[in-house]
Amino acid sequence: MKKGFTLIELLVVVLIIGILAAIALPQYNKTVERSRITEALILSRAALNSQQIYKLQTGDYALSWDELDITVPATQFKLAEEYHGAGHYAIMKYYDVFLDKNKSWVASVRRHPNWGRTPLIALSLEDPTKQYCCFYPTGGEDVCKTVADSSKTTTLWGRNCYQIK
């Protein structure tokens, strides 16, 4: 009797591994994206709190990250273009966090080649209860459902938004 595996047995094993990978990979990607959006939410809330403290001290919101009393793990900073309003971007590995002095929002936008699938975290400086995870119909809703309440909806900047829990 020969020892070893037959070709059929090897094909069955490869098929089973392929099925398991097909099931596990989407779940893995959702988990990774959930952790990235949670990181952006934490930094956005820290920026929101720091902006509120800055306004209490000076009477106005900070325009630059240098004026805030937080450390931002950004790879670089840049001034926002005209159409984004006054403010600065902190460019991180997965998200850009934007301080918007004129619109009174702190926003985190997912850095992704396909911007139509990117969730956005928007926190109001004027009303701390207005904290949203926004998405386009083309994608991002599943990520927003992990950090926000899908029964509380609104629309901002042409995106559907869920209120953050």
C-alpha atoms as a PDB file:
ATOM      1  CA  MET A   1       0.000   0.000   0.000  1.00  0.00           C
ATOM      2  CA  LYS A   2       1.348   3.388  -1.011  1.00  0.00           C
ATOM      3  CA  LYS A   3       1.503   6.191   1.532  1.00  0.00           C
ATOM      4  CA  GLY A   4       0.502   9.704   0.559  1.00  0.00           C
ATOM      5  CA  PHE A   5      -2.434  11.757  -0.633  1.00  0.00           C
ATOM      6  CA  THR A   6      -4.344  11.348  -3.850  1.00  0.00           C
ATOM      7  CA  LEU A   7      -4.945  14.244  -6.192  1.00  0.00           C
ATOM      8  CA  ILE A   8      -8.641  14.271  -5.236  1.00  0.00           C
ATOM      9  CA  GLU A   9      -7.809  14.545  -1.532  1.00  0.00           C
ATOM     10  CA  LEU A  10      -5.444  17.461  -2.196  1.00  0.00           C
ATOM     11  CA  LEU A  11      -8.055  19.225  -4.327  1.00  0.00           C
ATOM     12  CA  VAL A  12     -10.670  18.809  -1.584  1.00  0.00           C
ATOM     13  CA  VAL A  13      -8.281  20.330   0.982  1.00  0.00           C
ATOM     14  CA  VAL A  14      -7.477  23.258  -1.327  1.00  0.00           C
ATOM     15  CA  LEU A  15     -11.204  23.783  -1.957  1.00  0.00           C
ATOM     16  CA  ILE A  16     -11.967  23.816   1.782  1.00  0.00           C
ATOM     17  CA  ILE A  17      -9.146  26.296   2.440  1.00  0.00           C
ATOM     18  CA  GLY A  18     -10.453  28.496  -0.402  1.00  0.00           C
ATOM     19  CA  ILE A  19     -13.979  28.494   1.011  1.00  0.00           C
ATOM     20  CA  LEU A  20     -12.729  29.367   4.498  1.00  0.00           C
ATOM     21  CA  ALA A  21     -10.593  32.193   3.093  1.00  0.00           C
ATOM     22  CA  ALA A  22     -13.532  33.550   1.080  1.00  0.00           C
ATOM     23  CA  ILE A  23     -15.626  33.681   4.246  1.00  0.00           C
ATOM     24  CA  ALA A  24     -12.912  35.052   6.547  1.00  0.00           C
ATOM     25  CA  LEU A  25     -11.363  37.744   4.321  1.00  0.00           C
ATOM     26  CA  PRO A  26     -14.404  40.080   4.105  1.00  0.00           C
ATOM     27  CA  GLN A  27     -14.876  39.837   7.870  1.00  0.00           C
ATOM     28  CA  TYR A  28     -11.181  40.590   8.392  1.00  0.00           C
ATOM     29  CA  ASN A  29     -11.408  43.654   6.119  1.00  0.00           C
ATOM     30  CA  LYS A  30     -14.453  44.954   8.037  1.00  0.00           C
ATOM     31  CA  THR A  31     -12.621  44.509  11.328  1.00  0.00           C
ATOM     32  CA  VAL A  32      -9.571  46.389  10.042  1.00  0.00           C
ATOM     33  CA  GLU A  33     -11.729  49.228   8.682  1.00  0.00           C
ATOM     34  CA  ARG A  34     -13.652  49.393  11.966  1.00  0.00           C
ATOM     35  CA  SER A  35     -10.386  49.809  13.890  1.00  0.00           C
ATOM     36  CA  ARG A  36      -9.231  52.539  11.499  1.00  0.00           C
ATOM     37  CA  ILE A  37     -12.468  54.510  11.780  1.00  0.00           C
ATOM     38  CA  THR A  38     -12.336  54.138  15.568  1.00  0.00           C
ATOM     39  CA  GLU A  39      -8.836  55.653  15.520  1.00  0.00           C
ATOM     40  CA  ALA A  40     -10.123  58.579  13.446  1.00  0.00           C
ATOM     41  CA  LEU A  41     -13.077  59.014  15.807  1.00  0.00           C
ATOM     42  CA  ILE A  42     -10.810  59.098  18.869  1.00  0.00           C
ATOM     43  CA  LEU A  43      -8.543  61.736  17.307  1.00  0.00           C
ATOM     44  CA  SER A  44     -11.532  63.755  16.087  1.00  0.00           C
ATOM     45  CA  ARG A  45     -13.045  63.779  19.572  1.00  0.00           C
ATOM     46  CA  ALA A  46      -9.695  64.834  21.065  1.00  0.00           C
ATOM     47  CA  ALA A  47      -9.510  67.660  18.505  1.00  0.00           C
ATOM     48  CA  LEU A  48     -13.110  68.630  19.293  1.00  0.00           C
ATOM     49  CA  ASN A  49     -12.387  68.817  23.029  1.00  0.00           C
ATOM     50  CA  SER A  50      -9.185  70.760  22.422  1.00  0.00           C
ATOM     51  CA  GLN A  51     -11.027  73.181  20.111  1.00  0.00           C
ATOM     52  CA  GLN A  52     -13.669  73.807  22.777  1.00  0.00           C
ATOM     53  CA  ILE A  53     -10.984  74.527  25.383  1.00  0.00           C
ATOM     54  CA  TYR A  54      -9.188  76.818  22.919  1.00  0.00           C
ATOM     55  CA  LYS A  55     -12.418  78.750  22.273  1.00  0.00           C
ATOM     56  CA  LEU A  56     -13.018  79.200  26.002  1.00  0.00           C
ATOM     57  CA  GLN A  57      -9.513  80.658  26.330  1.00  0.00           C
ATOM     58  CA  THR A  58      -9.433  82.863  23.217  1.00  0.00           C
ATOM     59  CA  GLY A  59     -13.029  83.361  22.084  1.00  0.00           C
ATOM     60  CA  ASP A  60     -12.385  81.754  18.681  1.00  0.00           C
ATOM     61  CA  TYR A  61     -11.568  78.341  17.226  1.00  0.00           C
ATOM     62  CA  ALA A  62      -8.022  77.361  16.350  1.00  0.00           C
ATOM     63  CA  LEU A  63      -7.080  77.457  12.701  1.00  0.00           C
ATOM     64  CA  SER A  64      -3.934  75.366  13.085  1.00  0.00           C
ATOM     65  CA  TRP A  65      -3.046  72.120  14.851  1.00  0.00           C
ATOM     66  CA  ASP A  66      -0.116  73.939  16.502  1.00  0.00           C
ATOM     67  CA  GLU A  67      -2.570  76.029  18.520  1.00  0.00           C
ATOM     68  CA  LEU A  68      -4.249  72.989  20.073  1.00  0.00           C
ATOM     69  CA  ASP A  69      -3.088  71.196  23.180  1.00  0.00           C
ATOM     70  CA  ILE A  70      -2.976  67.693  21.665  1.00  0.00           C
ATOM     71  CA  THR A  71      -0.396  65.546  19.950  1.00  0.00           C
ATOM     72  CA  VAL A  72      -1.485  64.450  16.495  1.00  0.00           C
ATOM     73  CA  PRO A  73       0.099  61.311  14.995  1.00  0.00           C
ATOM     74  CA  ALA A  74       0.185  62.852  11.539  1.00  0.00           C
ATOM     75  CA  THR A  75       2.822  62.306   8.897  1.00  0.00           C
ATOM     76  CA  GLN A  76       2.418  65.874   7.634  1.00  0.00           C
ATOM     77  CA  PHE A  77       0.194  68.931   7.922  1.00  0.00           C
ATOM     78  CA  LYS A  78      -1.108  71.140   5.133  1.00  0.00           C
ATOM     79  CA  LEU A  79      -3.287  74.195   4.728  1.00  0.00           C
ATOM     80  CA  ALA A  80      -6.732  73.523   3.304  1.00  0.00           C
ATOM     81  CA  GLU A  81      -7.491  74.703  -0.202  1.00  0.00           C
ATOM     82  CA  GLU A  82      -9.929  77.557  -0.765  1.00  0.00           C
ATOM     83  CA  TYR A  83     -12.975  75.374  -1.416  1.00  0.00           C
ATOM     84  CA  HIS A  84     -12.575  73.555   1.884  1.00  0.00           C
ATOM     85  CA  GLY A  85     -12.776  76.722   3.936  1.00  0.00           C
ATOM     86  CA  ALA A  86     -10.237  77.941   6.444  1.00  0.00           C
ATOM     87  CA  GLY A  87      -8.363  75.292   8.339  1.00  0.00           C
ATOM     88  CA  HIS A  88      -5.662  72.652   8.298  1.00  0.00           C
ATOM     89  CA  TYR A  89      -5.416  68.966   7.460  1.00  0.00           C
ATOM     90  CA  ALA A  90      -3.472  66.522   9.598  1.00  0.00           C
ATOM     91  CA  ILE A  91      -2.512  63.799   7.144  1.00  0.00           C
ATOM     92  CA  MET A  92      -2.268  60.421   8.820  1.00  0.00           C
ATOM     93  CA  LYS A  93      -1.739  56.942   7.451  1.00  0.00           C
ATOM     94  CA  TYR A  94      -5.406  56.102   6.890  1.00  0.00           C
ATOM     95  CA  TYR A  95      -7.359  59.312   7.581  1.00  0.00           C
ATOM     96  CA  ASP A  96      -7.025  63.032   7.062  1.00  0.00           C
ATOM     97  CA  VAL A  97      -8.382  65.051   9.983  1.00  0.00           C
ATOM     98  CA  PHE A  98      -9.566  68.545   9.089  1.00  0.00           C
ATOM     99  CA  LEU A  99     -10.030  71.546  11.362  1.00  0.00           C
ATOM    100  CA  ASP A 100     -12.666  73.787   9.787  1.00  0.00           C
ATOM    101  CA  LYS A 101     -12.814  77.140  11.534  1.00  0.00           C
ATOM    102  CA  ASN A 102     -15.545  78.700   9.363  1.00  0.00           C
ATOM    103  CA  LYS A 103     -17.993  75.796   9.310  1.00  0.00           C
ATOM    104  CA  SER A 104     -17.372  74.838  12.950  1.00  0.00           C
ATOM    105  CA  TRP A 105     -16.710  71.157  12.268  1.00  0.00           C
ATOM    106  CA  VAL A 106     -13.925  68.713  12.948  1.00  0.00           C
ATOM    107  CA  ALA A 107     -13.969  66.116  10.196  1.00  0.00           C
ATOM    108  CA  SER A 108     -12.040  62.925   9.502  1.00  0.00           C
ATOM    109  CA  VAL A 109     -12.014  61.616   5.961  1.00  0.00           C
ATOM    110  CA  ARG A 110     -10.798  58.161   4.977  1.00  0.00           C
ATOM    111  CA  ARG A 111      -7.817  58.279   2.628  1.00  0.00           C
ATOM    112  CA  HIS A 112      -8.712  55.906  -0.183  1.00  0.00           C
ATOM    113  CA  PRO A 113      -8.255  55.914  -3.967  1.00  0.00           C
ATOM    114  CA  ASN A 114     -12.014  55.471  -4.423  1.00  0.00           C
ATOM    115  CA  TRP A 115     -13.387  58.506  -2.546  1.00  0.00           C
ATOM    116  CA  GLY A 116     -17.002  57.472  -3.225  1.00  0.00           C
ATOM    117  CA  ARG A 117     -16.581  54.602  -0.768  1.00  0.00           C
ATOM    118  CA  THR A 118     -15.060  56.577   2.078  1.00  0.00           C
ATOM    119  CA  PRO A 119     -16.818  57.157   5.385  1.00  0.00           C
ATOM    120  CA  LEU A 120     -16.466  60.573   6.988  1.00  0.00           C
ATOM    121  CA  ILE A 121     -16.586  61.411  10.702  1.00  0.00           C
ATOM    122  CA  ALA A 122     -18.072  64.880  11.334  1.00  0.00           C
ATOM    123  CA  LEU A 123     -18.185  66.444  14.813  1.00  0.00           C
ATOM    124  CA  SER A 124     -19.852  69.829  15.388  1.00  0.00           C
ATOM    125  CA  LEU A 125     -17.880  72.341  17.434  1.00  0.00           C
ATOM    126  CA  GLU A 126     -21.021  74.312  18.285  1.00  0.00           C
ATOM    127  CA  ASP A 127     -23.221  71.378  19.327  1.00  0.00           C
ATOM    128  CA  PRO A 128     -21.403  68.372  20.855  1.00  0.00           C
ATOM    129  CA  THR A 129     -24.483  66.183  20.282  1.00  0.00           C
ATOM    130  CA  LYS A 130     -24.011  66.534  16.511  1.00  0.00           C
ATOM    131  CA  GLN A 131     -21.511  63.764  15.849  1.00  0.00           C
ATOM    132  CA  TYR A 132     -22.016  61.843  12.627  1.00  0.00           C
ATOM    133  CA  CYS A 133     -20.553  59.084  10.505  1.00  0.00           C
ATOM    134  CA  CYS A 134     -21.404  59.946   6.894  1.00  0.00           C
ATOM    135  CA  PHE A 135     -21.214  57.854   3.738  1.00  0.00           C
ATOM    136  CA  TYR A 136     -22.136  57.925   0.070  1.00  0.00           C
ATOM    137  CA  PRO A 137     -24.666  55.426  -1.315  1.00  0.00           C
ATOM    138  CA  THR A 138     -21.759  53.760  -3.143  1.00  0.00           C
ATOM    139  CA  GLY A 139     -20.105  52.589   0.064  1.00  0.00           C
ATOM    140  CA  GLY A 140     -19.109  53.093   3.661  1.00  0.00           C
ATOM    141  CA  GLU A 141     -22.482  52.398   5.275  1.00  0.00           C
ATOM    142  CA  ASP A 142     -21.376  49.101   6.801  1.00  0.00           C
ATOM    143  CA  VAL A 143     -18.420  50.834   8.485  1.00  0.00           C
ATOM    144  CA  CYS A 144     -20.627  53.642   9.824  1.00  0.00           C
ATOM    145  CA  LYS A 145     -23.049  51.123  11.316  1.00  0.00           C
ATOM    146  CA  THR A 146     -20.247  49.872  13.581  1.00  0.00           C
ATOM    147  CA  VAL A 147     -19.777  53.258  15.305  1.00  0.00           C
ATOM    148  CA  ALA A 148     -23.147  54.964  14.805  1.00  0.00           C
ATOM    149  CA  ASP A 149     -26.871  54.478  15.343  1.00  0.00           C
ATOM    150  CA  SER A 150     -28.513  53.765  11.978  1.00  0.00           C
ATOM    151  CA  SER A 151     -31.955  54.748  13.317  1.00  0.00           C
ATOM    152  CA  LYS A 152     -30.819  58.392  13.736  1.00  0.00           C
ATOM    153  CA  THR A 153     -30.122  59.754  10.255  1.00  0.00           C
ATOM    154  CA  THR A 154     -29.463  63.081   8.550  1.00  0.00           C
ATOM    155  CA  THR A 155     -27.767  64.382   5.401  1.00  0.00           C
ATOM    156  CA  LEU A 156     -24.578  66.477   5.347  1.00  0.00           C
ATOM    157  CA  TRP A 157     -22.534  67.511   2.281  1.00  0.00           C
ATOM    158  CA  GLY A 158     -24.549  65.215   0.021  1.00  0.00           C
ATOM    159  CA  ARG A 159     -23.862  62.171   2.189  1.00  0.00           C
ATOM    160  CA  ASN A 160     -26.195  60.063   4.296  1.00  0.00           C
ATOM    161  CA  CYS A 161     -25.196  60.211   7.962  1.00  0.00           C
ATOM    162  CA  TYR A 162     -25.833  58.207  11.115  1.00  0.00           C
ATOM    163  CA  GLN A 163     -25.490  59.794  14.543  1.00  0.00           C
ATOM    164  CA  ILE A 164     -22.500  58.438  16.444  1.00  0.00           C
ATOM    165  CA  LYS A 165     -23.325  56.506  19.603  1.00  0.00           C
END
